[in-house]
Amino acid sequence: MSEHTGESAPMTRVLVVEDDPNIVDLIRSNLAVRGFDTIVSTDGLRALQLLETERPDIILLDLMLPEIDGFELCRQVRERSTVGVIVVSARGGDRDKVAALNLGADDYMTKPFSIEELLARITATLRRTRPALQDGGAPQRIALGGGVEIDLSSQQVTRDGEELHLTPTEFALLRELANDRGKVLTHAQLLRRVWGRGYETETEYVRVYVRRLRAKLETENGPQLILTQSRVGYRLAAD
């Protein structure tokens, strides 16, 4: 697998936070075969240390952990990093899914899952969370109103010149709305464009992430930037 180890194409590093050795072995062996560099932590506190020292490209995070709750760990990871986070849980209820997304998870998988599904989700998440690989070009600035400006080339969002910290998934959603400004994009369109094919029915993903964007972009006395078309989708307010 020497093609994965050159400087131009470093191995993708996956941090697996999971205390079930059977699942760890399954994930690690299957990812290794496909050229991933896998690091494992069986508890959350160690995972936070590895986040700093190993700089993973993506985290697979189980919710049921010793020492620190998986939700709390997700929140702490998000405070420190924009790394891709896929929550992997035996709990399949919508409440847990929404809670994880609210805390900044990029995706949510329910056990049991196939390795093919896991790989597809890792690929989709990395496509959003490693945008620096596609950076370059002249600034493409769009003024959204209320002093908020988005630069599509540098993937930065500012309000009155101060940078607003968006996760890659938040930025990807905002970029799609900005590219079709004033036009209503349906839930399915946004899910397909931001998360990928196969996510078209995960309406809760869009709802949660629109809420997250509004909380970061809009102020109490400022204009409403993201408008809801009831039961259809969302659009970015026109100039």
C-alpha atoms as a PDB file:
ATOM      1  CA  MET A   1       0.000   0.000   0.000  1.00  0.00           C
ATOM      2  CA  SER A   2       2.914   2.293  -0.614  1.00  0.00           C
ATOM      3  CA  GLU A   3       0.750   4.589  -2.719  1.00  0.00           C
ATOM      4  CA  HIS A   4      -0.984   5.732   0.473  1.00  0.00           C
ATOM      5  CA  THR A   5       2.164   6.739   2.292  1.00  0.00           C
ATOM      6  CA  GLY A   6       3.750   9.383   0.087  1.00  0.00           C
ATOM      7  CA  GLU A   7       3.796  12.993   1.188  1.00  0.00           C
ATOM      8  CA  SER A   8       1.387  14.007  -1.543  1.00  0.00           C
ATOM      9  CA  ALA A   9      -1.274  11.553  -0.338  1.00  0.00           C
ATOM     10  CA  PRO A  10      -0.951  10.889   3.393  1.00  0.00           C
ATOM     11  CA  MET A  11      -3.025   8.076   4.847  1.00  0.00           C
ATOM     12  CA  THR A  12      -6.391   9.093   6.178  1.00  0.00           C
ATOM     13  CA  ARG A  13      -6.259   8.825   9.959  1.00  0.00           C
ATOM     14  CA  VAL A  14      -9.362   7.520  11.736  1.00  0.00           C
ATOM     15  CA  LEU A  15      -9.803   7.770  15.500  1.00  0.00           C
ATOM     16  CA  VAL A  16     -12.152   5.000  16.682  1.00  0.00           C
ATOM     17  CA  VAL A  17     -13.633   5.722  20.125  1.00  0.00           C
ATOM     18  CA  GLU A  18     -15.213   2.422  21.107  1.00  0.00           C
ATOM     19  CA  ASP A  19     -14.888   0.059  24.105  1.00  0.00           C
ATOM     20  CA  ASP A  20     -16.244  -3.108  22.455  1.00  0.00           C
ATOM     21  CA  PRO A  21     -13.138  -5.050  21.299  1.00  0.00           C
ATOM     22  CA  ASN A  22     -15.113  -7.032  18.695  1.00  0.00           C
ATOM     23  CA  ILE A  23     -16.335  -3.868  16.970  1.00  0.00           C
ATOM     24  CA  VAL A  24     -12.866  -2.298  17.237  1.00  0.00           C
ATOM     25  CA  ASP A  25     -11.278  -5.321  15.553  1.00  0.00           C
ATOM     26  CA  LEU A  26     -13.916  -5.370  12.818  1.00  0.00           C
ATOM     27  CA  ILE A  27     -13.513  -1.680  12.014  1.00  0.00           C
ATOM     28  CA  ARG A  28      -9.719  -1.596  12.330  1.00  0.00           C
ATOM     29  CA  SER A  29      -9.098  -4.631  10.115  1.00  0.00           C
ATOM     30  CA  ASN A  30     -11.469  -3.459   7.390  1.00  0.00           C
ATOM     31  CA  LEU A  31     -10.116   0.094   7.372  1.00  0.00           C
ATOM     32  CA  ALA A  32      -6.495  -1.119   7.337  1.00  0.00           C
ATOM     33  CA  VAL A  33      -7.130  -3.207   4.223  1.00  0.00           C
ATOM     34  CA  ARG A  34      -8.371  -0.055   2.486  1.00  0.00           C
ATOM     35  CA  GLY A  35      -5.324   2.011   3.439  1.00  0.00           C
ATOM     36  CA  PHE A  36      -6.623   3.885   6.478  1.00  0.00           C
ATOM     37  CA  ASP A  37      -4.442   4.596   9.509  1.00  0.00           C
ATOM     38  CA  THR A  38      -6.564   3.650  12.540  1.00  0.00           C
ATOM     39  CA  ILE A  39      -6.065   4.796  16.144  1.00  0.00           C
ATOM     40  CA  VAL A  40      -8.238   3.394  18.922  1.00  0.00           C
ATOM     41  CA  SER A  41      -9.368   4.814  22.246  1.00  0.00           C
ATOM     42  CA  THR A  42     -11.599   2.888  24.636  1.00  0.00           C
ATOM     43  CA  ASP A  43     -12.502   5.945  26.699  1.00  0.00           C
ATOM     44  CA  GLY A  44     -13.336   9.578  26.096  1.00  0.00           C
ATOM     45  CA  LEU A  45     -10.573  11.244  28.095  1.00  0.00           C
ATOM     46  CA  ARG A  46      -7.925   9.379  26.121  1.00  0.00           C
ATOM     47  CA  ALA A  47      -9.776  10.287  22.923  1.00  0.00           C
ATOM     48  CA  LEU A  48      -9.423  14.008  23.700  1.00  0.00           C
ATOM     49  CA  GLN A  49      -5.670  13.531  24.182  1.00  0.00           C
ATOM     50  CA  LEU A  50      -5.407  11.666  20.854  1.00  0.00           C
ATOM     51  CA  LEU A  51      -7.390  14.419  19.128  1.00  0.00           C
ATOM     52  CA  GLU A  52      -4.604  16.847  20.088  1.00  0.00           C
ATOM     53  CA  THR A  53      -1.580  14.599  19.511  1.00  0.00           C
ATOM     54  CA  GLU A  54      -2.625  12.500  16.499  1.00  0.00           C
ATOM     55  CA  ARG A  55      -4.717  15.018  14.537  1.00  0.00           C
ATOM     56  CA  PRO A  56      -7.183  12.483  13.085  1.00  0.00           C
ATOM     57  CA  ASP A  57      -9.060  13.260   9.862  1.00  0.00           C
ATOM     58  CA  ILE A  58     -12.270  11.723  11.182  1.00  0.00           C
ATOM     59  CA  ILE A  59     -13.644  10.286  14.436  1.00  0.00           C
ATOM     60  CA  LEU A  60     -15.979   7.299  14.798  1.00  0.00           C
ATOM     61  CA  LEU A  61     -17.592   7.881  18.186  1.00  0.00           C
ATOM     62  CA  ASP A  62     -19.622   5.402  20.216  1.00  0.00           C
ATOM     63  CA  LEU A  63     -22.110   6.994  22.619  1.00  0.00           C
ATOM     64  CA  MET A  64     -21.879   4.365  25.364  1.00  0.00           C
ATOM     65  CA  LEU A  65     -18.440   4.973  26.872  1.00  0.00           C
ATOM     66  CA  PRO A  66     -16.861   4.614  30.313  1.00  0.00           C
ATOM     67  CA  GLU A  67     -15.664   7.734  32.175  1.00  0.00           C
ATOM     68  CA  ILE A  68     -17.236  10.327  29.885  1.00  0.00           C
ATOM     69  CA  ASP A  69     -20.608  10.294  28.134  1.00  0.00           C
ATOM     70  CA  GLY A  70     -20.443  10.140  24.335  1.00  0.00           C
ATOM     71  CA  PHE A  71     -22.632  13.235  23.955  1.00  0.00           C
ATOM     72  CA  GLU A  72     -20.342  15.208  26.263  1.00  0.00           C
ATOM     73  CA  LEU A  73     -17.317  13.954  24.342  1.00  0.00           C
ATOM     74  CA  CYS A  74     -18.901  15.065  21.060  1.00  0.00           C
ATOM     75  CA  ARG A  75     -19.457  18.536  22.535  1.00  0.00           C
ATOM     76  CA  GLN A  76     -15.860  18.761  23.755  1.00  0.00           C
ATOM     77  CA  VAL A  77     -14.461  17.574  20.419  1.00  0.00           C
ATOM     78  CA  ARG A  78     -16.494  20.265  18.647  1.00  0.00           C
ATOM     79  CA  GLU A  79     -15.146  22.934  20.990  1.00  0.00           C
ATOM     80  CA  ARG A  80     -11.607  21.950  20.022  1.00  0.00           C
ATOM     81  CA  SER A  81     -11.787  20.928  16.374  1.00  0.00           C
ATOM     82  CA  THR A  82     -13.704  20.878  13.084  1.00  0.00           C
ATOM     83  CA  VAL A  83     -12.707  17.224  12.497  1.00  0.00           C
ATOM     84  CA  GLY A  84     -15.386  15.029  10.930  1.00  0.00           C
ATOM     85  CA  VAL A  85     -17.432  13.167  13.569  1.00  0.00           C
ATOM     86  CA  ILE A  86     -19.613  10.141  12.840  1.00  0.00           C
ATOM     87  CA  VAL A  87     -21.522   8.919  15.879  1.00  0.00           C
ATOM     88  CA  VAL A  88     -21.907   5.128  15.913  1.00  0.00           C
ATOM     89  CA  SER A  89     -24.498   3.942  18.414  1.00  0.00           C
ATOM     90  CA  ALA A  90     -26.675   1.000  19.344  1.00  0.00           C
ATOM     91  CA  ARG A  91     -29.357   3.593  20.178  1.00  0.00           C
ATOM     92  CA  GLY A  92     -31.420   4.196  17.056  1.00  0.00           C
ATOM     93  CA  GLY A  93     -34.015   6.653  18.338  1.00  0.00           C
ATOM     94  CA  ASP A  94     -34.531  10.057  16.737  1.00  0.00           C
ATOM     95  CA  ARG A  95     -33.957  11.792  20.073  1.00  0.00           C
ATOM     96  CA  ASP A  96     -30.368  10.527  20.315  1.00  0.00           C
ATOM     97  CA  LYS A  97     -29.730  11.307  16.646  1.00  0.00           C
ATOM     98  CA  VAL A  98     -30.977  14.881  16.995  1.00  0.00           C
ATOM     99  CA  ALA A  99     -29.012  15.351  20.229  1.00  0.00           C
ATOM    100  CA  ALA A 100     -25.786  14.193  18.542  1.00  0.00           C
ATOM    101  CA  LEU A 101     -26.363  16.412  15.499  1.00  0.00           C
ATOM    102  CA  ASN A 102     -27.144  19.363  17.770  1.00  0.00           C
ATOM    103  CA  LEU A 103     -23.764  18.871  19.422  1.00  0.00           C
ATOM    104  CA  GLY A 104     -22.012  19.010  16.061  1.00  0.00           C
ATOM    105  CA  ALA A 105     -21.852  15.410  14.835  1.00  0.00           C
ATOM    106  CA  ASP A 106     -21.699  15.265  11.035  1.00  0.00           C
ATOM    107  CA  ASP A 107     -23.479  11.923  10.752  1.00  0.00           C
ATOM    108  CA  TYR A 108     -25.152   9.246  12.886  1.00  0.00           C
ATOM    109  CA  MET A 109     -25.048   5.482  12.295  1.00  0.00           C
ATOM    110  CA  THR A 110     -26.975   2.815  14.160  1.00  0.00           C
ATOM    111  CA  LYS A 111     -25.438  -0.557  15.031  1.00  0.00           C
ATOM    112  CA  PRO A 112     -25.360  -3.083  13.519  1.00  0.00           C
ATOM    113  CA  PHE A 113     -24.054  -1.709  10.230  1.00  0.00           C
ATOM    114  CA  SER A 114     -22.244  -3.082   7.200  1.00  0.00           C
ATOM    115  CA  ILE A 115     -18.641  -2.181   6.469  1.00  0.00           C
ATOM    116  CA  GLU A 116     -19.770  -0.940   3.039  1.00  0.00           C
ATOM    117  CA  GLU A 117     -22.160   1.510   4.687  1.00  0.00           C
ATOM    118  CA  LEU A 118     -19.469   2.666   7.125  1.00  0.00           C
ATOM    119  CA  LEU A 119     -16.992   3.275   4.292  1.00  0.00           C
ATOM    120  CA  ALA A 120     -19.588   5.167   2.270  1.00  0.00           C
ATOM    121  CA  ARG A 121     -20.335   7.430   5.229  1.00  0.00           C
ATOM    122  CA  ILE A 122     -16.654   8.004   5.976  1.00  0.00           C
ATOM    123  CA  THR A 123     -16.087   8.968   2.330  1.00  0.00           C
ATOM    124  CA  ALA A 124     -19.077  11.331   2.321  1.00  0.00           C
ATOM    125  CA  THR A 125     -18.010  12.992   5.575  1.00  0.00           C
ATOM    126  CA  LEU A 126     -14.388  13.422   4.465  1.00  0.00           C
ATOM    127  CA  ARG A 127     -15.581  15.057   1.250  1.00  0.00           C
ATOM    128  CA  ARG A 128     -17.108  17.828   3.393  1.00  0.00           C
ATOM    129  CA  THR A 129     -14.627  18.004   6.246  1.00  0.00           C
ATOM    130  CA  ARG A 130     -11.389  18.109   4.250  1.00  0.00           C
ATOM    131  CA  PRO A 131     -12.212  21.022   1.924  1.00  0.00           C
ATOM    132  CA  ALA A 132      -8.670  22.403   2.203  1.00  0.00           C
ATOM    133  CA  LEU A 133      -7.646  19.775  -0.351  1.00  0.00           C
ATOM    134  CA  GLN A 134      -9.656  21.709  -2.945  1.00  0.00           C
ATOM    135  CA  ASP A 135      -8.737  25.253  -1.832  1.00  0.00           C
ATOM    136  CA  GLY A 136      -7.302  27.953  -4.035  1.00  0.00           C
ATOM    137  CA  GLY A 137      -8.401  30.648  -6.408  1.00  0.00           C
ATOM    138  CA  ALA A 138      -9.422  34.260  -6.033  1.00  0.00           C
ATOM    139  CA  PRO A 139     -11.764  35.330  -3.208  1.00  0.00           C
ATOM    140  CA  GLN A 140     -15.440  34.722  -3.973  1.00  0.00           C
ATOM    141  CA  ARG A 141     -17.185  36.935  -1.452  1.00  0.00           C
ATOM    142  CA  ILE A 142     -20.948  37.096  -1.053  1.00  0.00           C
ATOM    143  CA  ALA A 143     -22.588  39.611   1.303  1.00  0.00           C
ATOM    144  CA  LEU A 144     -25.492  37.863   3.028  1.00  0.00           C
ATOM    145  CA  GLY A 145     -26.875  40.848   4.967  1.00  0.00           C
ATOM    146  CA  GLY A 146     -26.586  41.898   8.593  1.00  0.00           C
ATOM    147  CA  GLY A 147     -22.847  42.417   8.103  1.00  0.00           C
ATOM    148  CA  VAL A 148     -22.359  38.697   7.335  1.00  0.00           C
ATOM    149  CA  GLU A 149     -20.071  37.828   4.434  1.00  0.00           C
ATOM    150  CA  ILE A 150     -19.105  34.418   3.046  1.00  0.00           C
ATOM    151  CA  ASP A 151     -15.884  33.778   1.103  1.00  0.00           C
ATOM    152  CA  LEU A 152     -16.405  30.606  -0.917  1.00  0.00           C
ATOM    153  CA  SER A 153     -12.724  30.237  -1.852  1.00  0.00           C
ATOM    154  CA  SER A 154     -11.226  30.463   1.657  1.00  0.00           C
ATOM    155  CA  GLN A 155     -14.321  28.860   3.248  1.00  0.00           C
ATOM    156  CA  GLN A 156     -14.574  31.664   5.782  1.00  0.00           C
ATOM    157  CA  VAL A 157     -17.619  33.446   7.121  1.00  0.00           C
ATOM    158  CA  THR A 158     -17.371  36.828   8.855  1.00  0.00           C
ATOM    159  CA  ARG A 159     -19.713  39.285  10.558  1.00  0.00           C
ATOM    160  CA  ASP A 160     -18.479  42.889  10.506  1.00  0.00           C
ATOM    161  CA  GLY A 161     -15.014  41.541   9.753  1.00  0.00           C
ATOM    162  CA  GLU A 162     -14.934  39.081  12.685  1.00  0.00           C
ATOM    163  CA  GLU A 163     -14.644  35.409  11.720  1.00  0.00           C
ATOM    164  CA  LEU A 164     -17.547  33.132  12.598  1.00  0.00           C
ATOM    165  CA  HIS A 165     -16.444  29.565  13.288  1.00  0.00           C
ATOM    166  CA  LEU A 166     -18.504  27.138  11.201  1.00  0.00           C
ATOM    167  CA  THR A 167     -17.939  23.403  11.006  1.00  0.00           C
ATOM    168  CA  PRO A 168     -17.299  22.053   7.490  1.00  0.00           C
ATOM    169  CA  THR A 169     -20.816  20.599   7.322  1.00  0.00           C
ATOM    170  CA  GLU A 170     -22.339  23.941   8.368  1.00  0.00           C
ATOM    171  CA  PHE A 171     -20.278  25.681   5.714  1.00  0.00           C
ATOM    172  CA  ALA A 172     -21.235  23.132   3.046  1.00  0.00           C
ATOM    173  CA  LEU A 173     -24.926  23.753   3.769  1.00  0.00           C
ATOM    174  CA  LEU A 174     -24.479  27.531   3.709  1.00  0.00           C
ATOM    175  CA  ARG A 175     -22.533  27.309   0.435  1.00  0.00           C
ATOM    176  CA  GLU A 176     -25.364  25.398  -1.261  1.00  0.00           C
ATOM    177  CA  LEU A 177     -27.913  27.980  -0.113  1.00  0.00           C
ATOM    178  CA  ALA A 178     -25.607  30.827  -1.236  1.00  0.00           C
ATOM    179  CA  ASN A 179     -25.006  29.291  -4.664  1.00  0.00           C
ATOM    180  CA  ASP A 180     -28.792  29.273  -5.258  1.00  0.00           C
ATOM    181  CA  ARG A 181     -29.564  32.429  -3.344  1.00  0.00           C
ATOM    182  CA  GLY A 182     -33.242  33.383  -3.311  1.00  0.00           C
ATOM    183  CA  LYS A 183     -34.275  29.962  -4.639  1.00  0.00           C
ATOM    184  CA  VAL A 184     -35.994  27.408  -2.414  1.00  0.00           C
ATOM    185  CA  LEU A 185     -33.947  24.226  -2.104  1.00  0.00           C
ATOM    186  CA  THR A 186     -35.925  21.215  -0.930  1.00  0.00           C
ATOM    187  CA  HIS A 187     -34.883  19.087   2.028  1.00  0.00           C
ATOM    188  CA  ALA A 188     -33.977  16.269  -0.371  1.00  0.00           C
ATOM    189  CA  GLN A 189     -31.868  18.561  -2.591  1.00  0.00           C
ATOM    190  CA  LEU A 190     -29.903  19.894   0.376  1.00  0.00           C
ATOM    191  CA  LEU A 191     -29.413  16.425   1.846  1.00  0.00           C
ATOM    192  CA  ARG A 192     -28.175  15.042  -1.463  1.00  0.00           C
ATOM    193  CA  ARG A 193     -25.825  17.970  -2.102  1.00  0.00           C
ATOM    194  CA  VAL A 194     -24.387  18.280   1.415  1.00  0.00           C
ATOM    195  CA  TRP A 195     -24.494  14.751   2.845  1.00  0.00           C
ATOM    196  CA  GLY A 196     -24.681  12.717  -0.356  1.00  0.00           C
ATOM    197  CA  ARG A 197     -26.905  10.194  -2.088  1.00  0.00           C
ATOM    198  CA  GLY A 198     -28.883   7.965   0.247  1.00  0.00           C
ATOM    199  CA  TYR A 199     -29.547  10.739   2.786  1.00  0.00           C
ATOM    200  CA  GLU A 200     -32.597  12.224   1.031  1.00  0.00           C
ATOM    201  CA  THR A 201     -35.036  11.105   3.748  1.00  0.00           C
ATOM    202  CA  GLU A 202     -32.921  12.313   6.720  1.00  0.00           C
ATOM    203  CA  THR A 203     -34.897  15.558   7.010  1.00  0.00           C
ATOM    204  CA  GLU A 204     -33.828  16.022  10.644  1.00  0.00           C
ATOM    205  CA  TYR A 205     -30.218  16.525   9.511  1.00  0.00           C
ATOM    206  CA  VAL A 206     -31.180  19.654   7.560  1.00  0.00           C
ATOM    207  CA  ARG A 207     -33.450  21.000  10.294  1.00  0.00           C
ATOM    208  CA  VAL A 208     -30.747  20.676  12.942  1.00  0.00           C
ATOM    209  CA  TYR A 209     -28.031  22.197  10.789  1.00  0.00           C
ATOM    210  CA  VAL A 210     -30.217  25.115   9.665  1.00  0.00           C
ATOM    211  CA  ARG A 211     -30.849  25.822  13.369  1.00  0.00           C
ATOM    212  CA  ARG A 212     -27.103  25.714  14.007  1.00  0.00           C
ATOM    213  CA  LEU A 213     -26.436  28.100  11.115  1.00  0.00           C
ATOM    214  CA  ARG A 214     -29.120  30.541  12.222  1.00  0.00           C
ATOM    215  CA  ALA A 215     -27.713  30.587  15.754  1.00  0.00           C
ATOM    216  CA  LYS A 216     -24.284  31.516  14.382  1.00  0.00           C
ATOM    217  CA  LEU A 217     -25.247  33.874  11.539  1.00  0.00           C
ATOM    218  CA  GLU A 218     -28.321  35.737  12.733  1.00  0.00           C
ATOM    219  CA  THR A 219     -28.573  38.228  15.595  1.00  0.00           C
ATOM    220  CA  GLU A 220     -31.619  39.167  17.641  1.00  0.00           C
ATOM    221  CA  ASN A 221     -32.036  42.558  15.950  1.00  0.00           C
ATOM    222  CA  GLY A 222     -30.586  41.638  12.559  1.00  0.00           C
ATOM    223  CA  PRO A 223     -32.293  40.375   9.400  1.00  0.00           C
ATOM    224  CA  GLN A 224     -33.425  36.784   8.992  1.00  0.00           C
ATOM    225  CA  LEU A 225     -30.963  35.275   6.535  1.00  0.00           C
ATOM    226  CA  ILE A 226     -32.256  31.713   6.115  1.00  0.00           C
ATOM    227  CA  LEU A 227     -35.965  31.532   5.306  1.00  0.00           C
ATOM    228  CA  THR A 228     -38.193  28.477   5.752  1.00  0.00           C
ATOM    229  CA  GLN A 229     -40.591  27.323   3.061  1.00  0.00           C
ATOM    230  CA  SER A 230     -42.971  25.277   5.189  1.00  0.00           C
ATOM    231  CA  ARG A 231     -42.779  21.510   4.537  1.00  0.00           C
ATOM    232  CA  VAL A 232     -40.617  22.131   1.433  1.00  0.00           C
ATOM    233  CA  GLY A 233     -37.160  23.436   2.300  1.00  0.00           C
ATOM    234  CA  TYR A 234     -35.106  26.581   2.804  1.00  0.00           C
ATOM    235  CA  ARG A 235     -33.734  29.523   0.883  1.00  0.00           C
ATOM    236  CA  LEU A 236     -31.180  32.222   1.559  1.00  0.00           C
ATOM    237  CA  ALA A 237     -32.742  35.692   1.614  1.00  0.00           C
ATOM    238  CA  ALA A 238     -32.189  37.579  -1.664  1.00  0.00           C
ATOM    239  CA  ASP A 239     -30.188  40.828  -1.732  1.00  0.00           C
END
